[in-house]
Amino acid sequence: MMATMIKNNIDKIVALTWSIFSVVFGLYFISVRYGNAEIYRDAINKEQQLLWLIIAIIVAVYVIFLFSKFMVKAILEAGKERDILIYAIPFFGVFISCFISKLVDSDFCYYYGDEKLVWDSAMNLYPYFFVYLSEIYIISFILIPNIFAPTLVKIVMVSLIMGYVIYRVNRHYNCKIGFCFYLLCLLEPFYILGVEVHRMQWYGFIYLFVMVKLYFDIVERGSTDCNIRSIINIVLLLALLSVLRREGIYFYVLGPILLLKAYGNLEKKKIYRLIVFFIIIEIIMNIPIVNNGMNEKELAKSALLVHMLGEETLDRELVSEELSILDKKFIIENIDKYNNDMGISGFDSNYFDVPGWNDNNYYIRRSESQISMEQFNRAFIRLITKQPLVFLKSRIRAFLAAGRQVGPYNLYFPLMLLVFELLYSFRKYRRKAVYIIFAGVFIHIILTSIAMPASYYKYYYHMWLVAYTFFVIMIYDFKQGFVQSKG
């Protein structure tokens, strides 16, 4: 009888043991390194630090119980969980090999730049660096008390996501077409950004998982994957997508629409509760970052100004008043030299904070600004509203600068694939509104291009993943429909 009880609850026993181990050693791991960076340690008070540490522990324990249940079921029973795990293993091998390769080449300085800043903030219990990214790091340190925890947790996460993608595709079409996704492992952006742990690299895979799940839940309606726990998890992830990147703001509206399209066959009372739950979660997740989020140097405003001034069609006489005001915060002369020197490459990075650029000839005034932020913002907005076409032109050029790379990093090709997917989904799934998913991707691309501080490829990683993943789905869907029409 005891043996039966243990067998029936093995997942809970594993989860409980792991949770105790992780919490104890995770807290010890953080405490040993706590207090190494004053700026993060003093950014919020002790009560908030404790609150977010407790939240990290709760989330970590929840993940542990979910993962333990998944793994035990995958090992003991044939079915969905075992299929996903088996499909995930090759991806895990690719990602872990890439990680080890980078680790060997890094001379034990694996985290650097922004990733190191986030790592330090997490060690000092500051949860808001790049919105909630440092909180994700804290959760990772609880899950795996190790300096490489964020990378290891992400590798497991993205491997299982890709395993899930293959599972849903193979199950829906009752074939092995999903194995085509292993070809992504041949493309450098897939495994390089799959291992990196800055914000967009997390965001891209979470975005892909949510879109794939919602897509198949919509077209299948009543899928066995539509249980209450999985729906709650999707609500939480949609809310996270809406805040983790500022361009995700459209999920405030798109989120409820997608939830209704996917799970609208539930009882009315459950649907109302689902939407109310989504709204509550959104409010809860937005309040802390509005009040406590760290100012990220206003990179976007600096970039927008620099890029607009780089356009020859800008009528400087028309905006002379605004430029004279902005010149009290930015050195317009230096910006012009920067644009002349860099050309379209000037869209690639934002050099105002690089000490060695142009013999330390910064274009942001290092002395105290002669204008208030209200004056600066008003002048900035008037500059854009007076020359909207120039602004749009500069933003298009910013996207072109990000997408012009050759090979698998080129963004023009996946953008064309998305256009095809949008048009096809509108024609095929007009009544079920699956095209809203692809419209959302385009909204995201537009908002990213408008707001991004530099033309980084990683800002469009979600587009890259969605474009190639859904291309396989759309092609097979088209083929299947063609065969059926012939029959």
Protein backbone atom coordinates (compact mmCIF):
# COMPACT_ATOMS: atom_id res chain seq x y z
CA MET A 1 0.00 0.00 0.00
CA MET A 2 2.86 2.36 0.86
CA ALA A 3 4.56 1.54 -2.44
CA THR A 4 1.34 2.30 -4.35
CA MET A 5 0.93 5.61 -2.54
CA ILE A 6 4.52 6.59 -3.33
CA LYS A 7 4.07 5.60 -6.99
CA ASN A 8 0.87 7.62 -7.29
CA ASN A 9 2.50 10.68 -5.75
CA ILE A 10 6.04 10.36 -7.06
CA ASP A 11 5.78 13.68 -8.92
CA LYS A 12 4.75 15.51 -5.74
CA ILE A 13 7.54 13.84 -3.75
CA VAL A 14 10.12 14.83 -6.38
CA ALA A 15 8.73 18.36 -6.56
CA LEU A 16 8.68 18.81 -2.79
CA THR A 17 12.24 17.52 -2.39
CA TRP A 18 13.48 19.70 -5.24
CA SER A 19 11.62 22.73 -3.89
CA ILE A 20 13.16 22.44 -0.44
CA PHE A 21 16.62 21.96 -1.91
CA SER A 22 16.25 24.84 -4.37
CA VAL A 23 14.81 27.34 -1.92
CA VAL A 24 17.43 26.63 0.76
CA PHE A 25 20.45 26.61 -1.56
CA GLY A 26 19.01 29.31 -3.81
CA LEU A 27 18.65 31.72 -0.89
CA TYR A 28 22.15 30.84 0.27
CA PHE A 29 23.52 31.39 -3.25
CA ILE A 30 21.94 34.86 -3.47
CA SER A 31 22.91 35.84 0.07
CA VAL A 32 26.59 35.08 -0.56
CA ARG A 33 26.66 37.49 -3.51
CA TYR A 34 24.15 40.05 -2.22
CA GLY A 35 25.24 43.66 -1.82
CA ASN A 36 27.93 43.83 -4.52
CA ALA A 37 26.25 46.65 -6.44
CA GLU A 38 25.00 49.66 -4.50
CA ILE A 39 22.87 51.06 -7.30
CA TYR A 40 20.63 47.98 -7.42
CA ARG A 41 20.64 47.22 -3.72
CA ASP A 42 19.37 50.69 -2.80
CA ALA A 43 16.99 51.16 -5.75
CA ILE A 44 14.00 49.83 -3.78
CA ASN A 45 13.39 49.39 -0.05
CA LYS A 46 13.91 46.17 1.92
CA GLU A 47 10.19 45.42 2.08
CA GLN A 48 9.87 45.42 -1.71
CA GLN A 49 13.00 43.31 -2.06
CA LEU A 50 11.55 40.77 0.34
CA LEU A 51 8.18 40.80 -1.45
CA TRP A 52 9.75 40.14 -4.86
CA LEU A 53 11.99 37.45 -3.42
CA ILE A 54 8.89 35.72 -2.01
CA ILE A 55 7.18 36.05 -5.41
CA ALA A 56 10.26 34.53 -7.08
CA ILE A 57 10.15 31.60 -4.64
CA ILE A 58 6.43 31.03 -5.26
CA VAL A 59 6.89 31.11 -9.04
CA ALA A 60 9.93 28.82 -8.81
CA VAL A 61 8.06 26.28 -6.67
CA TYR A 62 5.09 26.42 -9.08
CA VAL A 63 7.44 25.77 -12.03
CA ILE A 64 9.10 22.93 -10.13
CA PHE A 65 5.77 21.21 -9.49
CA LEU A 66 4.71 21.64 -13.13
CA PHE A 67 8.05 20.41 -14.45
CA SER A 68 8.19 17.45 -12.04
CA LYS A 69 4.70 16.37 -13.02
CA PHE A 70 5.63 16.70 -16.68
CA MET A 71 8.87 14.71 -16.36
CA VAL A 72 7.40 11.92 -14.23
CA LYS A 73 4.51 11.53 -16.66
CA ALA A 74 6.89 11.59 -19.64
CA ILE A 75 9.04 8.85 -18.10
CA LEU A 76 6.28 6.58 -16.80
CA GLU A 77 3.57 6.95 -19.45
CA ALA A 78 3.44 7.06 -23.23
CA GLY A 79 1.59 10.12 -24.46
CA LYS A 80 1.79 13.86 -24.95
CA GLU A 81 4.45 14.56 -22.32
CA ARG A 82 6.77 11.80 -23.54
CA ASP A 83 6.43 12.97 -27.15
CA ILE A 84 7.26 16.57 -26.23
CA LEU A 85 10.27 15.47 -24.19
CA ILE A 86 11.61 13.23 -26.95
CA TYR A 87 11.12 15.97 -29.55
CA ALA A 88 12.88 18.46 -27.23
CA ILE A 89 16.02 16.39 -26.64
CA PRO A 90 17.76 17.19 -29.99
CA PHE A 91 17.13 20.92 -29.43
CA PHE A 92 18.54 20.62 -25.92
CA GLY A 93 21.65 18.98 -27.35
CA VAL A 94 22.15 21.83 -29.84
CA PHE A 95 21.58 24.58 -27.25
CA ILE A 96 23.74 23.02 -24.55
CA SER A 97 26.54 22.45 -27.07
CA CYS A 98 26.35 26.10 -28.09
CA PHE A 99 26.44 27.14 -24.42
CA ILE A 100 29.48 24.99 -23.67
CA SER A 101 31.23 26.32 -26.77
CA LYS A 102 30.61 29.93 -25.71
CA LEU A 103 31.64 29.13 -22.15
CA VAL A 104 34.97 27.67 -23.29
CA ASP A 105 35.66 30.77 -25.40
CA SER A 106 34.63 33.26 -22.72
CA ASP A 107 37.48 32.76 -20.22
CA PHE A 108 34.87 32.34 -17.46
CA CYS A 109 33.37 35.80 -18.15
CA TYR A 110 30.23 34.40 -19.70
CA TYR A 111 27.92 37.26 -18.78
CA TYR A 112 28.95 40.70 -19.99
CA GLY A 113 27.33 43.99 -20.98
CA ASP A 114 23.63 44.25 -20.26
CA GLU A 115 23.41 40.57 -19.27
CA LYS A 116 25.97 41.18 -16.52
CA LEU A 117 24.04 44.27 -15.36
CA VAL A 118 20.86 42.19 -15.10
CA TRP A 119 22.80 39.44 -13.32
CA ASP A 120 24.11 41.95 -10.76
CA SER A 121 20.68 43.48 -10.23
CA ALA A 122 19.19 40.02 -9.61
CA MET A 123 21.90 39.24 -7.09
CA ASN A 124 20.94 42.45 -5.29
CA LEU A 125 17.23 41.64 -5.44
CA TYR A 126 16.30 44.47 -7.79
CA PRO A 127 13.51 42.93 -9.94
CA TYR A 128 12.89 45.71 -12.49
CA PHE A 129 16.05 45.86 -14.59
CA PHE A 130 14.72 45.76 -18.18
CA VAL A 131 11.24 45.55 -16.64
CA TYR A 132 10.96 42.06 -15.11
CA LEU A 133 14.05 40.46 -16.62
CA SER A 134 16.05 40.58 -13.39
CA GLU A 135 13.09 38.94 -11.60
CA ILE A 136 13.28 36.12 -14.16
CA TYR A 137 16.96 35.79 -13.23
CA ILE A 138 16.08 35.62 -9.52
CA ILE A 139 13.55 32.86 -10.25
CA SER A 140 16.25 31.03 -12.21
CA PHE A 141 18.68 31.25 -9.28
CA ILE A 142 16.04 29.69 -7.02
CA LEU A 143 15.38 26.91 -9.54
CA ILE A 144 19.07 26.16 -10.09
CA PRO A 145 21.46 27.69 -7.49
CA ASN A 146 24.28 28.27 -9.97
CA ILE A 147 25.91 31.27 -11.63
CA PHE A 148 24.76 30.01 -15.04
CA ALA A 149 21.17 29.44 -13.90
CA PRO A 150 19.52 31.94 -16.31
CA THR A 151 21.12 30.24 -19.30
CA LEU A 152 20.42 26.71 -18.10
CA VAL A 153 16.79 27.50 -17.29
CA LYS A 154 16.33 29.17 -20.65
CA ILE A 155 17.89 26.25 -22.53
CA VAL A 156 15.44 23.83 -20.90
CA MET A 157 12.55 26.23 -21.55
CA VAL A 158 13.26 26.83 -25.25
CA SER A 159 13.96 23.13 -25.87
CA LEU A 160 10.58 22.18 -24.41
CA ILE A 161 8.88 24.97 -26.35
CA MET A 162 10.28 23.63 -29.61
CA GLY A 163 9.33 20.10 -28.57
CA TYR A 164 5.80 21.37 -27.94
CA VAL A 165 5.69 23.06 -31.36
CA ILE A 166 6.60 19.78 -33.08
CA TYR A 167 4.05 17.90 -30.97
CA ARG A 168 1.15 20.25 -31.82
CA VAL A 169 1.99 20.29 -35.54
CA ASN A 170 2.42 16.52 -35.80
CA ARG A 171 -0.76 15.87 -33.83
CA HIS A 172 -2.90 18.35 -35.75
CA TYR A 173 -1.87 17.11 -39.19
CA ASN A 174 -1.43 13.48 -38.10
CA CYS A 175 1.98 13.26 -39.72
CA LYS A 176 5.65 13.96 -39.03
CA ILE A 177 5.85 17.34 -40.79
CA GLY A 178 6.87 18.93 -37.48
CA PHE A 179 10.30 17.36 -37.77
CA CYS A 180 11.09 20.07 -40.33
CA PHE A 181 11.66 22.38 -37.38
CA TYR A 182 14.92 20.59 -36.62
CA LEU A 183 16.26 22.38 -39.69
CA LEU A 184 16.20 25.58 -37.63
CA CYS A 185 19.17 24.17 -35.73
CA LEU A 186 21.24 24.76 -38.87
CA LEU A 187 20.60 28.51 -38.69
CA GLU A 188 22.94 30.49 -36.45
CA PRO A 189 20.36 32.98 -35.07
CA PHE A 190 18.28 30.09 -33.76
CA TYR A 191 20.91 28.57 -31.49
CA ILE A 192 22.94 31.72 -30.72
CA LEU A 193 19.98 33.78 -29.57
CA GLY A 194 18.43 30.65 -28.13
CA VAL A 195 21.27 30.53 -25.61
CA GLU A 196 21.63 34.26 -24.93
CA VAL A 197 19.60 35.56 -21.99
CA HIS A 198 18.93 39.22 -22.66
CA ARG A 199 15.28 40.35 -22.75
CA MET A 200 14.39 39.86 -26.42
CA GLN A 201 15.86 36.35 -26.50
CA TRP A 202 13.46 35.26 -23.74
CA TYR A 203 10.63 37.24 -25.28
CA GLY A 204 10.98 35.68 -28.73
CA PHE A 205 10.49 32.08 -27.56
CA ILE A 206 7.72 32.90 -25.08
CA TYR A 207 5.98 34.77 -27.91
CA LEU A 208 6.37 31.77 -30.22
CA PHE A 209 4.95 29.35 -27.64
CA VAL A 210 1.91 31.54 -26.91
CA MET A 211 1.16 32.08 -30.61
CA VAL A 212 1.51 28.39 -31.53
CA LYS A 213 -0.68 27.26 -28.65
CA LEU A 214 -3.36 29.88 -29.32
CA TYR A 215 -3.24 29.13 -33.05
CA PHE A 216 -3.97 25.43 -32.64
CA ASP A 217 -6.42 26.02 -29.79
CA ILE A 218 -8.36 28.32 -32.15
CA VAL A 219 -8.37 26.02 -35.18
CA GLU A 220 -9.08 22.92 -33.11
CA ARG A 221 -11.62 24.47 -30.67
CA GLY A 222 -12.15 22.09 -27.77
CA SER A 223 -8.60 20.74 -27.88
CA THR A 224 -7.47 18.46 -25.08
CA ASP A 225 -4.82 21.12 -24.35
CA CYS A 226 -7.56 23.58 -23.30
CA ASN A 227 -7.72 22.72 -19.59
CA ILE A 228 -8.11 25.45 -16.98
CA ARG A 229 -4.49 25.30 -15.79
CA SER A 230 -3.09 25.70 -19.29
CA ILE A 231 -5.48 28.61 -19.96
CA ILE A 232 -4.38 30.34 -16.75
CA ASN A 233 -0.74 29.88 -17.80
CA ILE A 234 -1.50 31.45 -21.19
CA VAL A 235 -3.17 34.43 -19.48
CA LEU A 236 -0.07 34.92 -17.32
CA LEU A 237 2.22 34.70 -20.35
CA LEU A 238 0.10 37.12 -22.39
CA ALA A 239 0.30 39.61 -19.53
CA LEU A 240 4.06 39.10 -19.36
CA LEU A 241 4.38 39.71 -23.12
CA SER A 242 2.46 42.96 -22.76
CA VAL A 243 4.93 44.43 -20.24
CA LEU A 244 8.29 42.74 -20.81
CA ARG A 245 8.70 44.74 -24.03
CA ARG A 246 6.97 48.12 -24.31
CA GLU A 247 5.83 47.38 -27.87
CA GLY A 248 3.80 44.50 -26.42
CA ILE A 249 1.23 47.08 -25.28
CA TYR A 250 -1.15 45.93 -28.03
CA PHE A 251 -1.77 42.73 -26.04
CA TYR A 252 -3.98 44.83 -23.77
CA VAL A 253 -6.53 44.62 -26.59
CA LEU A 254 -5.32 41.62 -28.60
CA GLY A 255 -4.97 39.39 -25.54
CA PRO A 256 -8.69 39.23 -24.64
CA ILE A 257 -9.62 38.82 -28.34
CA LEU A 258 -7.30 35.84 -28.73
CA LEU A 259 -8.54 34.31 -25.47
CA LEU A 260 -12.17 34.62 -26.63
CA LYS A 261 -11.37 33.12 -30.04
CA ALA A 262 -9.50 30.20 -28.49
CA TYR A 263 -11.69 29.49 -25.46
CA GLY A 264 -15.01 31.12 -26.34
CA ASN A 265 -16.72 27.73 -26.23
CA LEU A 266 -16.42 27.69 -22.43
CA GLU A 267 -19.41 28.50 -20.24
CA LYS A 268 -20.26 32.21 -20.21
CA LYS A 269 -19.47 32.49 -16.52
CA LYS A 270 -16.00 31.00 -17.09
CA ILE A 271 -15.36 33.33 -20.03
CA TYR A 272 -16.22 36.40 -17.94
CA ARG A 273 -13.95 35.17 -15.16
CA LEU A 274 -11.17 34.56 -17.68
CA ILE A 275 -11.33 38.13 -19.06
CA VAL A 276 -11.59 39.64 -15.56
CA PHE A 277 -8.60 37.54 -14.49
CA PHE A 278 -6.62 38.81 -17.50
CA ILE A 279 -7.45 42.45 -16.64
CA ILE A 280 -6.50 41.98 -12.99
CA ILE A 281 -3.20 40.34 -13.88
CA GLU A 282 -2.42 43.17 -16.32
CA ILE A 283 -3.07 45.80 -13.65
CA ILE A 284 -0.98 43.95 -11.07
CA MET A 285 1.96 43.53 -13.45
CA ASN A 286 1.89 47.15 -14.65
CA ILE A 287 1.67 49.00 -11.33
CA PRO A 288 5.12 48.01 -9.95
CA ILE A 289 7.07 48.89 -13.10
CA VAL A 290 5.32 52.25 -13.45
CA ASN A 291 6.31 53.20 -9.92
CA ASN A 292 9.69 51.51 -9.62
CA GLY A 293 11.13 50.76 -13.05
CA MET A 294 14.68 51.96 -13.62
CA ASN A 295 15.13 54.72 -16.22
CA GLU A 296 16.97 53.11 -19.13
CA LYS A 297 18.71 56.34 -20.25
CA GLU A 298 15.88 57.35 -22.60
CA LEU A 299 17.71 55.65 -25.43
CA ALA A 300 14.72 55.73 -27.76
CA LYS A 301 14.32 59.53 -27.72
CA SER A 302 18.00 60.02 -28.39
CA ALA A 303 17.89 57.58 -31.31
CA LEU A 304 14.74 59.10 -32.81
CA LEU A 305 16.31 62.56 -32.80
CA VAL A 306 19.61 61.37 -34.26
CA HIS A 307 17.89 59.42 -37.02
CA MET A 308 15.53 62.26 -37.95
CA LEU A 309 18.43 64.70 -38.18
CA GLY A 310 20.12 62.25 -40.52
CA GLU A 311 17.34 62.63 -43.09
CA GLU A 312 18.15 65.15 -45.82
CA THR A 313 14.45 65.89 -46.34
CA LEU A 314 14.09 67.33 -42.83
CA ASP A 315 13.01 70.97 -43.14
CA ARG A 316 15.21 72.53 -40.48
CA GLU A 317 13.73 75.97 -40.94
CA LEU A 318 10.26 74.62 -40.17
CA VAL A 319 11.50 73.05 -36.92
CA SER A 320 14.17 75.63 -36.05
CA GLU A 321 12.44 76.57 -32.80
CA GLU A 322 12.26 72.95 -31.67
CA LEU A 323 15.88 72.30 -32.62
CA SER A 324 17.07 75.33 -30.66
CA ILE A 325 15.32 73.93 -27.59
CA LEU A 326 16.60 70.38 -28.12
CA ASP A 327 20.12 71.72 -28.64
CA LYS A 328 20.14 72.64 -24.95
CA LYS A 329 20.08 68.93 -24.14
CA PHE A 330 21.67 67.48 -27.29
CA ILE A 331 24.56 69.01 -29.22
CA ILE A 332 23.04 69.18 -32.71
CA GLU A 333 26.42 69.90 -34.31
CA ASN A 334 27.84 66.67 -32.91
CA ILE A 335 24.78 64.71 -34.06
CA ASP A 336 25.26 66.04 -37.60
CA LYS A 337 28.91 64.96 -37.55
CA TYR A 338 27.87 61.56 -36.23
CA ASN A 339 25.37 61.12 -39.08
CA ASN A 340 27.91 62.24 -41.68
CA ASP A 341 30.55 59.84 -40.34
CA MET A 342 28.29 56.80 -39.89
CA GLY A 343 25.74 56.93 -42.70
CA ILE A 344 23.17 54.13 -42.47
CA SER A 345 25.48 52.38 -40.00
CA GLY A 346 24.51 55.13 -37.58
CA PHE A 347 21.20 53.31 -37.16
CA ASP A 348 22.97 50.21 -35.87
CA SER A 349 23.92 51.59 -32.47
CA ASN A 350 23.35 54.56 -30.23
CA TYR A 351 26.78 55.95 -29.47
CA PHE A 352 25.97 58.81 -27.11
CA ASP A 353 27.14 56.76 -24.12
CA VAL A 354 30.25 55.21 -25.69
CA PRO A 355 33.22 57.00 -24.02
CA GLY A 356 35.65 56.56 -26.90
CA TRP A 357 33.43 57.72 -29.75
CA ASN A 358 34.73 60.69 -31.74
CA ASP A 359 37.43 61.58 -29.20
CA ASN A 360 34.84 61.73 -26.40
CA ASN A 361 32.81 64.24 -28.40
CA TYR A 362 29.43 63.20 -26.98
CA TYR A 363 26.27 64.57 -28.47
CA ILE A 364 24.40 64.49 -25.15
CA ARG A 365 25.33 67.41 -22.94
CA ARG A 366 27.03 66.04 -19.85
CA SER A 367 26.43 69.20 -17.84
CA GLU A 368 23.08 69.83 -16.23
CA SER A 369 20.39 70.42 -18.86
CA GLN A 370 19.29 74.01 -19.39
CA ILE A 371 15.69 72.95 -20.01
CA SER A 372 13.15 70.96 -18.01
CA MET A 373 11.96 67.53 -19.10
CA GLU A 374 8.53 69.02 -19.86
CA GLN A 375 10.08 71.55 -22.25
CA PHE A 376 12.24 68.88 -23.84
CA ASN A 377 9.32 66.47 -24.33
CA ARG A 378 7.08 69.17 -25.83
CA ALA A 379 9.77 70.20 -28.31
CA PHE A 380 10.47 66.57 -29.13
CA ILE A 381 6.80 65.82 -29.85
CA ARG A 382 6.39 68.99 -31.93
CA LEU A 383 9.44 68.02 -34.00
CA ILE A 384 7.80 64.72 -34.92
CA THR A 385 4.30 66.13 -35.49
CA LYS A 386 5.64 68.91 -37.75
CA GLN A 387 7.63 66.45 -39.86
CA PRO A 388 5.72 63.13 -39.62
CA LEU A 389 6.82 61.83 -43.02
CA VAL A 390 10.47 62.46 -42.19
CA PHE A 391 9.95 60.62 -38.90
CA LEU A 392 8.37 57.64 -40.66
CA LYS A 393 11.11 57.65 -43.28
CA SER A 394 13.79 57.54 -40.59
CA ARG A 395 12.01 54.65 -38.84
CA ILE A 396 11.78 52.68 -42.10
CA ARG A 397 15.48 53.26 -42.59
CA ALA A 398 16.07 52.00 -39.05
CA PHE A 399 14.29 48.75 -39.91
CA LEU A 400 16.22 48.44 -43.17
CA ALA A 401 19.46 48.87 -41.23
CA ALA A 402 18.47 45.97 -38.96
CA GLY A 403 17.29 43.75 -41.80
CA ARG A 404 20.02 44.28 -44.37
CA GLN A 405 22.32 41.59 -42.99
CA VAL A 406 23.09 38.64 -45.24
CA GLY A 407 22.36 34.98 -44.69
CA PRO A 408 20.05 33.72 -41.93
CA TYR A 409 20.20 37.09 -40.14
CA ASN A 410 18.44 38.83 -43.02
CA LEU A 411 14.99 40.09 -41.97
CA TYR A 412 13.53 40.91 -45.38
CA PHE A 413 12.83 37.27 -46.24
CA PRO A 414 10.98 36.37 -43.00
CA LEU A 415 9.01 39.61 -43.40
CA MET A 416 7.84 38.44 -46.85
CA LEU A 417 6.91 35.09 -45.33
CA LEU A 418 4.79 36.89 -42.75
CA VAL A 419 2.97 38.78 -45.49
CA PHE A 420 2.14 35.46 -47.14
CA GLU A 421 1.00 33.97 -43.83
CA LEU A 422 -1.20 36.96 -43.07
CA LEU A 423 -2.90 36.86 -46.47
CA TYR A 424 -3.32 33.09 -46.40
CA SER A 425 -4.73 33.04 -42.86
CA PHE A 426 -7.21 35.78 -43.77
CA ARG A 427 -8.46 33.79 -46.75
CA LYS A 428 -8.53 30.40 -45.02
CA TYR A 429 -9.53 31.26 -41.46
CA ARG A 430 -11.64 34.40 -41.93
CA ARG A 431 -14.43 33.13 -39.68
CA LYS A 432 -12.14 32.03 -36.88
CA ALA A 433 -9.99 35.16 -37.01
CA VAL A 434 -6.69 33.31 -36.76
CA TYR A 435 -5.25 36.08 -38.92
CA ILE A 436 -5.36 38.29 -35.80
CA ILE A 437 -2.24 36.45 -34.61
CA PHE A 438 -0.31 37.50 -37.71
CA ALA A 439 -1.76 41.00 -37.63
CA GLY A 440 -0.43 41.19 -34.06
CA VAL A 441 3.05 40.28 -35.25
CA PHE A 442 2.92 43.12 -37.79
CA ILE A 443 1.72 45.56 -35.13
CA HIS A 444 4.66 44.44 -33.02
CA ILE A 445 7.09 45.01 -35.90
CA ILE A 446 5.72 48.51 -36.51
CA LEU A 447 5.84 49.49 -32.82
CA THR A 448 9.36 48.06 -32.53
CA SER A 449 10.56 50.04 -35.54
CA ILE A 450 9.04 53.23 -34.14
CA ALA A 451 10.40 52.88 -30.62
CA MET A 452 13.71 50.97 -30.85
CA PRO A 453 16.85 52.86 -29.74
CA ALA A 454 19.07 51.11 -32.29
CA SER A 455 18.72 48.77 -35.25
CA TYR A 456 19.44 45.53 -33.45
CA TYR A 457 18.49 42.27 -35.14
CA LYS A 458 17.39 40.78 -31.81
CA TYR A 459 14.43 43.18 -31.58
CA TYR A 460 12.84 41.20 -34.43
CA TYR A 461 13.71 37.75 -33.15
CA HIS A 462 10.05 36.99 -32.40
CA MET A 463 9.25 37.82 -36.03
CA TRP A 464 12.04 35.54 -37.25
CA LEU A 465 10.80 32.61 -35.14
CA VAL A 466 7.12 33.08 -35.95
CA ALA A 467 7.76 33.56 -39.69
CA TYR A 468 9.72 30.35 -40.18
CA THR A 469 7.58 28.29 -37.80
CA PHE A 470 4.26 29.27 -39.33
CA PHE A 471 5.61 29.01 -42.86
CA VAL A 472 5.90 25.25 -42.36
CA ILE A 473 2.40 25.17 -40.86
CA MET A 474 0.85 27.24 -43.66
CA ILE A 475 2.57 25.27 -46.44
CA TYR A 476 1.38 21.94 -45.08
CA ASP A 477 -2.07 23.33 -44.41
CA PHE A 478 -2.26 24.53 -48.01
CA LYS A 479 -1.04 21.16 -49.31
CA GLN A 480 -3.56 19.28 -47.18
CA GLY A 481 -6.42 21.51 -48.38
CA PHE A 482 -5.30 21.09 -52.00
CA VAL A 483 -5.27 17.28 -51.70
CA GLN A 484 -8.72 17.28 -50.09
CA SER A 485 -10.17 19.53 -52.82
CA LYS A 486 -8.75 17.19 -55.49
CA GLY A 487 -10.26 14.20 -53.73
